[in-house]
N, C-alpha and C. Protein backbone atom coordinates (compact mmCIF):
# COMPACT_ATOMS: atom_id res chain seq x y z
N GLN A 1 -11.51 4.09 -16.64
CA GLN A 1 -11.37 4.13 -15.20
C GLN A 1 -10.48 3.00 -14.70
N VAL A 2 -9.91 3.21 -13.54
CA VAL A 2 -9.06 2.22 -12.91
C VAL A 2 -9.59 1.95 -11.51
N GLN A 3 -9.63 0.70 -11.13
CA GLN A 3 -10.04 0.32 -9.78
C GLN A 3 -8.86 -0.32 -9.05
N LEU A 4 -8.70 0.07 -7.81
CA LEU A 4 -7.71 -0.54 -6.93
C LEU A 4 -8.46 -1.25 -5.81
N VAL A 5 -8.20 -2.53 -5.69
CA VAL A 5 -8.89 -3.32 -4.67
C VAL A 5 -7.87 -3.87 -3.70
N GLU A 6 -8.01 -3.47 -2.44
CA GLU A 6 -7.08 -3.89 -1.40
C GLU A 6 -7.65 -5.08 -0.63
N SER A 7 -6.75 -5.86 -0.07
CA SER A 7 -7.15 -6.97 0.79
C SER A 7 -6.01 -7.27 1.76
N GLY A 8 -6.35 -8.02 2.80
CA GLY A 8 -5.32 -8.50 3.72
C GLY A 8 -5.27 -7.83 5.07
N GLY A 9 -6.07 -6.80 5.28
CA GLY A 9 -6.07 -6.17 6.59
C GLY A 9 -6.74 -7.04 7.63
N GLY A 10 -6.67 -6.58 8.88
CA GLY A 10 -7.31 -7.34 9.94
C GLY A 10 -6.76 -6.97 11.30
N LEU A 11 -7.09 -7.82 12.26
CA LEU A 11 -6.66 -7.63 13.65
C LEU A 11 -5.54 -8.60 13.95
N VAL A 12 -4.46 -8.09 14.50
CA VAL A 12 -3.31 -8.93 14.81
C VAL A 12 -2.70 -8.44 16.12
N GLN A 13 -2.09 -9.34 16.84
CA GLN A 13 -1.41 -8.96 18.07
C GLN A 13 -0.05 -8.35 17.76
N ALA A 14 0.43 -7.53 18.66
CA ALA A 14 1.75 -6.93 18.51
C ALA A 14 2.79 -8.04 18.32
N GLY A 15 3.69 -7.80 17.38
CA GLY A 15 4.69 -8.79 17.04
C GLY A 15 4.29 -9.68 15.89
N GLY A 16 3.03 -9.62 15.51
CA GLY A 16 2.54 -10.45 14.42
C GLY A 16 2.82 -9.86 13.05
N SER A 17 2.30 -10.52 12.03
CA SER A 17 2.53 -10.13 10.64
C SER A 17 1.23 -10.06 9.86
N LEU A 18 1.23 -9.23 8.86
CA LEU A 18 0.14 -9.15 7.91
C LEU A 18 0.72 -8.88 6.52
N ARG A 19 0.00 -9.35 5.52
CA ARG A 19 0.39 -9.05 4.14
C ARG A 19 -0.79 -8.41 3.43
N LEU A 20 -0.60 -7.19 2.99
CA LEU A 20 -1.63 -6.48 2.25
C LEU A 20 -1.38 -6.63 0.75
N SER A 21 -2.48 -6.69 0.01
CA SER A 21 -2.40 -6.76 -1.45
C SER A 21 -3.28 -5.68 -2.05
N CYS A 22 -2.88 -5.20 -3.21
CA CYS A 22 -3.68 -4.21 -3.92
C CYS A 22 -3.57 -4.51 -5.40
N ALA A 23 -4.70 -4.84 -6.00
CA ALA A 23 -4.73 -5.18 -7.42
C ALA A 23 -5.41 -4.08 -8.20
N ALA A 24 -4.77 -3.65 -9.27
CA ALA A 24 -5.32 -2.62 -10.14
C ALA A 24 -5.92 -3.25 -11.38
N SER A 25 -7.05 -2.72 -11.80
CA SER A 25 -7.69 -3.21 -13.03
C SER A 25 -8.36 -2.04 -13.74
N GLY A 26 -8.62 -2.25 -15.03
CA GLY A 26 -9.28 -1.20 -15.81
C GLY A 26 -8.45 -0.78 -17.00
N SER A 27 -8.63 0.45 -17.40
CA SER A 27 -7.97 0.98 -18.60
C SER A 27 -6.56 1.44 -18.24
N ILE A 28 -5.65 0.49 -18.23
CA ILE A 28 -4.28 0.76 -17.80
C ILE A 28 -3.33 0.59 -18.96
N PHE A 29 -2.57 1.65 -19.26
CA PHE A 29 -1.49 1.51 -20.23
C PHE A 29 -0.24 1.04 -19.49
N SER A 30 0.08 1.75 -18.43
CA SER A 30 1.17 1.31 -17.56
C SER A 30 0.99 1.95 -16.19
N ILE A 31 1.56 1.32 -15.19
CA ILE A 31 1.50 1.84 -13.83
C ILE A 31 2.90 2.28 -13.43
N ASN A 32 3.02 3.48 -12.98
CA ASN A 32 4.31 4.00 -12.55
C ASN A 32 4.49 3.67 -11.06
N ASP A 33 4.57 4.65 -10.20
CA ASP A 33 4.74 4.37 -8.78
C ASP A 33 3.49 3.73 -8.19
N MET A 34 3.72 2.83 -7.25
CA MET A 34 2.63 2.28 -6.44
C MET A 34 3.05 2.40 -4.98
N GLY A 35 2.11 2.71 -4.14
CA GLY A 35 2.48 2.92 -2.75
C GLY A 35 1.39 2.59 -1.78
N TRP A 36 1.77 2.51 -0.53
CA TRP A 36 0.84 2.29 0.58
C TRP A 36 0.94 3.47 1.54
N TYR A 37 -0.22 3.92 1.96
CA TYR A 37 -0.32 5.04 2.88
C TYR A 37 -1.18 4.62 4.06
N ARG A 38 -0.96 5.24 5.20
CA ARG A 38 -1.72 4.93 6.41
C ARG A 38 -2.38 6.21 6.92
N GLN A 39 -3.59 6.06 7.40
CA GLN A 39 -4.30 7.19 7.98
C GLN A 39 -4.96 6.77 9.28
N VAL A 40 -4.78 7.61 10.29
CA VAL A 40 -5.45 7.41 11.57
C VAL A 40 -6.35 8.61 11.81
N PRO A 41 -7.37 8.44 12.63
CA PRO A 41 -8.32 9.55 12.85
C PRO A 41 -7.63 10.82 13.33
N GLY A 42 -7.98 11.93 12.70
CA GLY A 42 -7.44 13.22 13.12
C GLY A 42 -6.08 13.56 12.54
N LYS A 43 -5.53 12.66 11.73
CA LYS A 43 -4.21 12.91 11.15
C LYS A 43 -4.26 12.78 9.64
N GLN A 44 -3.27 13.39 9.00
CA GLN A 44 -3.19 13.28 7.55
C GLN A 44 -2.71 11.90 7.14
N ARG A 45 -3.09 11.54 5.94
CA ARG A 45 -2.61 10.29 5.37
C ARG A 45 -1.10 10.41 5.16
N GLU A 46 -0.36 9.36 5.56
CA GLU A 46 1.09 9.43 5.46
C GLU A 46 1.64 8.24 4.70
N LEU A 47 2.75 8.46 4.03
CA LEU A 47 3.38 7.41 3.25
C LEU A 47 3.96 6.34 4.17
N VAL A 48 3.70 5.09 3.83
CA VAL A 48 4.33 3.96 4.52
C VAL A 48 5.47 3.43 3.65
N ALA A 49 5.16 3.15 2.38
CA ALA A 49 6.17 2.61 1.49
C ALA A 49 5.76 2.86 0.04
N LEU A 50 6.77 2.96 -0.82
CA LEU A 50 6.54 3.26 -2.23
C LEU A 50 7.47 2.38 -3.05
N VAL A 51 6.98 1.94 -4.21
CA VAL A 51 7.83 1.18 -5.13
C VAL A 51 7.61 1.72 -6.54
N THR A 52 8.71 1.99 -7.22
CA THR A 52 8.61 2.50 -8.59
C THR A 52 8.40 1.34 -9.57
N LYS A 53 8.17 1.70 -10.82
CA LYS A 53 7.96 0.67 -11.84
C LYS A 53 9.20 -0.20 -11.99
N SER A 54 10.37 0.38 -11.80
CA SER A 54 11.61 -0.37 -11.95
C SER A 54 12.00 -1.14 -10.69
N GLY A 55 11.25 -0.93 -9.60
CA GLY A 55 11.50 -1.68 -8.39
C GLY A 55 12.21 -0.95 -7.28
N SER A 56 12.55 0.30 -7.48
CA SER A 56 13.15 1.08 -6.39
C SER A 56 12.11 1.32 -5.31
N THR A 57 12.58 1.30 -4.06
CA THR A 57 11.65 1.42 -2.93
C THR A 57 12.03 2.57 -2.00
N ASN A 58 11.02 3.02 -1.27
CA ASN A 58 11.21 4.07 -0.28
C ASN A 58 10.29 3.75 0.89
N TYR A 59 10.81 3.89 2.11
CA TYR A 59 10.03 3.54 3.30
C TYR A 59 10.01 4.69 4.30
N ALA A 60 8.93 4.78 5.03
CA ALA A 60 8.88 5.68 6.17
C ALA A 60 9.86 5.17 7.23
N ASP A 61 10.48 6.09 7.92
CA ASP A 61 11.47 5.69 8.93
C ASP A 61 10.86 4.76 9.97
N SER A 62 9.59 4.95 10.27
CA SER A 62 8.95 4.18 11.34
C SER A 62 8.76 2.70 10.99
N VAL A 63 8.88 2.35 9.72
CA VAL A 63 8.64 0.96 9.32
C VAL A 63 9.87 0.29 8.74
N LYS A 64 10.94 1.03 8.57
CA LYS A 64 12.15 0.46 7.97
C LYS A 64 12.62 -0.75 8.77
N GLY A 65 12.94 -1.82 8.05
CA GLY A 65 13.40 -3.03 8.68
C GLY A 65 12.29 -3.98 9.08
N ARG A 66 11.04 -3.51 9.05
CA ARG A 66 9.91 -4.35 9.44
C ARG A 66 8.93 -4.59 8.29
N VAL A 67 9.01 -3.74 7.30
CA VAL A 67 8.03 -3.76 6.22
C VAL A 67 8.74 -3.88 4.87
N THR A 68 8.15 -4.65 3.98
CA THR A 68 8.70 -4.80 2.63
C THR A 68 7.59 -4.58 1.62
N ILE A 69 7.84 -3.67 0.67
CA ILE A 69 6.89 -3.46 -0.42
C ILE A 69 7.43 -4.14 -1.66
N SER A 70 6.54 -4.73 -2.42
CA SER A 70 6.93 -5.38 -3.66
C SER A 70 5.77 -5.27 -4.64
N ARG A 71 6.05 -5.56 -5.91
CA ARG A 71 4.99 -5.49 -6.90
C ARG A 71 5.20 -6.56 -7.95
N ASP A 72 4.08 -6.95 -8.55
CA ASP A 72 4.08 -7.88 -9.67
C ASP A 72 3.50 -7.10 -10.85
N ASN A 73 4.36 -6.65 -11.74
CA ASN A 73 3.89 -5.81 -12.84
C ASN A 73 2.97 -6.57 -13.80
N ALA A 74 3.18 -7.86 -13.92
CA ALA A 74 2.34 -8.65 -14.81
C ALA A 74 0.90 -8.73 -14.28
N LYS A 75 0.75 -8.63 -12.97
CA LYS A 75 -0.57 -8.72 -12.35
C LYS A 75 -1.09 -7.34 -11.91
N ASN A 76 -0.30 -6.29 -12.15
CA ASN A 76 -0.69 -4.93 -11.71
C ASN A 76 -1.04 -4.93 -10.22
N THR A 77 -0.22 -5.59 -9.44
CA THR A 77 -0.49 -5.76 -8.02
C THR A 77 0.71 -5.33 -7.20
N VAL A 78 0.42 -4.68 -6.08
CA VAL A 78 1.45 -4.29 -5.12
C VAL A 78 1.15 -4.95 -3.79
N TYR A 79 2.19 -5.33 -3.09
CA TYR A 79 2.07 -6.02 -1.81
C TYR A 79 2.80 -5.24 -0.73
N LEU A 80 2.32 -5.43 0.51
CA LEU A 80 3.01 -4.85 1.66
C LEU A 80 3.10 -5.94 2.73
N GLN A 81 4.29 -6.44 2.92
CA GLN A 81 4.53 -7.44 3.97
C GLN A 81 4.95 -6.70 5.23
N MET A 82 4.16 -6.83 6.27
CA MET A 82 4.43 -6.14 7.52
C MET A 82 4.72 -7.15 8.62
N ASN A 83 5.88 -7.06 9.21
CA ASN A 83 6.31 -7.94 10.28
C ASN A 83 6.55 -7.15 11.56
N SER A 84 6.65 -7.86 12.66
CA SER A 84 6.92 -7.22 13.96
C SER A 84 6.00 -6.02 14.17
N LEU A 85 4.74 -6.23 13.94
CA LEU A 85 3.78 -5.12 14.00
C LEU A 85 3.67 -4.55 15.40
N LYS A 86 3.44 -3.25 15.44
CA LYS A 86 3.31 -2.52 16.70
C LYS A 86 1.93 -1.85 16.73
N PRO A 87 1.43 -1.55 17.92
CA PRO A 87 0.15 -0.84 18.00
C PRO A 87 0.14 0.47 17.20
N ASP A 88 1.29 1.14 17.10
CA ASP A 88 1.37 2.37 16.31
C ASP A 88 1.17 2.15 14.82
N ASP A 89 1.22 0.91 14.37
CA ASP A 89 0.97 0.61 12.96
C ASP A 89 -0.53 0.60 12.65
N THR A 90 -1.34 0.68 13.66
CA THR A 90 -2.79 0.66 13.47
C THR A 90 -3.26 1.83 12.62
N GLY A 91 -4.18 1.56 11.72
CA GLY A 91 -4.75 2.60 10.87
C GLY A 91 -5.42 2.00 9.65
N VAL A 92 -5.96 2.85 8.82
CA VAL A 92 -6.50 2.42 7.54
C VAL A 92 -5.39 2.56 6.50
N TYR A 93 -5.13 1.49 5.82
CA TYR A 93 -4.07 1.47 4.82
C TYR A 93 -4.69 1.62 3.43
N TYR A 94 -4.18 2.60 2.70
CA TYR A 94 -4.66 2.88 1.37
C TYR A 94 -3.57 2.62 0.34
N CYS A 95 -3.96 2.03 -0.75
CA CYS A 95 -3.08 1.81 -1.87
C CYS A 95 -3.24 2.97 -2.85
N LYS A 96 -2.13 3.42 -3.42
CA LYS A 96 -2.18 4.47 -4.43
C LYS A 96 -1.36 4.03 -5.64
N ALA A 97 -1.86 4.36 -6.81
CA ALA A 97 -1.14 4.05 -8.04
C ALA A 97 -1.15 5.25 -8.97
N LEU A 98 -0.03 5.48 -9.59
CA LEU A 98 0.07 6.50 -10.65
C LEU A 98 0.00 5.76 -11.98
N VAL A 99 -1.06 6.00 -12.71
CA VAL A 99 -1.37 5.22 -13.90
C VAL A 99 -1.29 6.09 -15.14
N SER A 100 -0.59 5.59 -16.14
CA SER A 100 -0.52 6.29 -17.42
C SER A 100 -1.70 5.86 -18.28
N GLN A 101 -2.47 6.86 -18.70
CA GLN A 101 -3.62 6.60 -19.56
C GLN A 101 -3.72 7.75 -20.55
N TYR A 102 -3.89 7.40 -21.82
CA TYR A 102 -4.18 8.40 -22.85
C TYR A 102 -3.15 9.53 -22.84
N GLY A 103 -1.88 9.22 -22.58
CA GLY A 103 -0.82 10.21 -22.61
C GLY A 103 -0.71 11.07 -21.37
N THR A 104 -1.47 10.76 -20.35
CA THR A 104 -1.45 11.53 -19.11
C THR A 104 -1.32 10.58 -17.93
N THR A 105 -0.80 11.09 -16.81
CA THR A 105 -0.70 10.27 -15.60
C THR A 105 -1.79 10.66 -14.62
N PHE A 106 -2.52 9.68 -14.14
CA PHE A 106 -3.60 9.89 -13.18
C PHE A 106 -3.26 9.17 -11.88
N GLN A 107 -3.77 9.73 -10.80
CA GLN A 107 -3.58 9.14 -9.47
C GLN A 107 -4.87 8.47 -9.04
N TYR A 108 -4.75 7.24 -8.59
CA TYR A 108 -5.91 6.49 -8.10
C TYR A 108 -5.63 5.97 -6.70
N TRP A 109 -6.70 5.89 -5.92
CA TRP A 109 -6.63 5.37 -4.56
C TRP A 109 -7.57 4.18 -4.41
N GLY A 110 -7.16 3.25 -3.57
CA GLY A 110 -8.06 2.18 -3.19
C GLY A 110 -9.01 2.64 -2.10
N GLN A 111 -9.89 1.75 -1.68
CA GLN A 111 -10.92 2.10 -0.71
C GLN A 111 -10.42 2.01 0.73
N GLY A 112 -9.26 1.43 0.91
CA GLY A 112 -8.67 1.32 2.25
C GLY A 112 -8.98 0.00 2.91
N THR A 113 -8.04 -0.46 3.71
CA THR A 113 -8.23 -1.68 4.49
C THR A 113 -7.73 -1.42 5.91
N GLN A 114 -8.52 -1.83 6.88
CA GLN A 114 -8.20 -1.55 8.28
C GLN A 114 -7.17 -2.54 8.81
N VAL A 115 -6.14 -1.99 9.45
CA VAL A 115 -5.16 -2.80 10.17
C VAL A 115 -5.20 -2.37 11.63
N THR A 116 -5.44 -3.34 12.50
CA THR A 116 -5.48 -3.05 13.92
C THR A 116 -4.49 -3.97 14.63
N VAL A 117 -3.58 -3.37 15.37
CA VAL A 117 -2.57 -4.12 16.09
C VAL A 117 -2.83 -3.94 17.58
N SER A 118 -3.14 -5.03 18.25
CA SER A 118 -3.43 -4.96 19.68
C SER A 118 -2.17 -5.19 20.49
N SER A 119 -2.14 -4.56 21.65
CA SER A 119 -0.94 -4.68 22.51
C SER A 119 -1.07 -5.85 23.46
């Protein structure tokens, strides 16, 4: 099994910054893509940012220029630096990892961390 543990969420005023972290542990051969997703009540979970094992990144249009995703492969950890936060960034942020185990790729999710941006 693999566990993803997120941290760094909280309450921040508009214009502020937060840094989310997600550490993976367990039976890991290698981790492929790692990403952050946001979910608000009544809506589907949506991609915020993704980083591949080689470091290529992809961002939602709504966060481009304000958010940076990065990862430390030695620590099996992915980070999300969020700047110039807006109330629309509010939601539960989930970390996802595609993990290679036993010759197969499995998808794992973290438990989520709440981000609230006040106006």
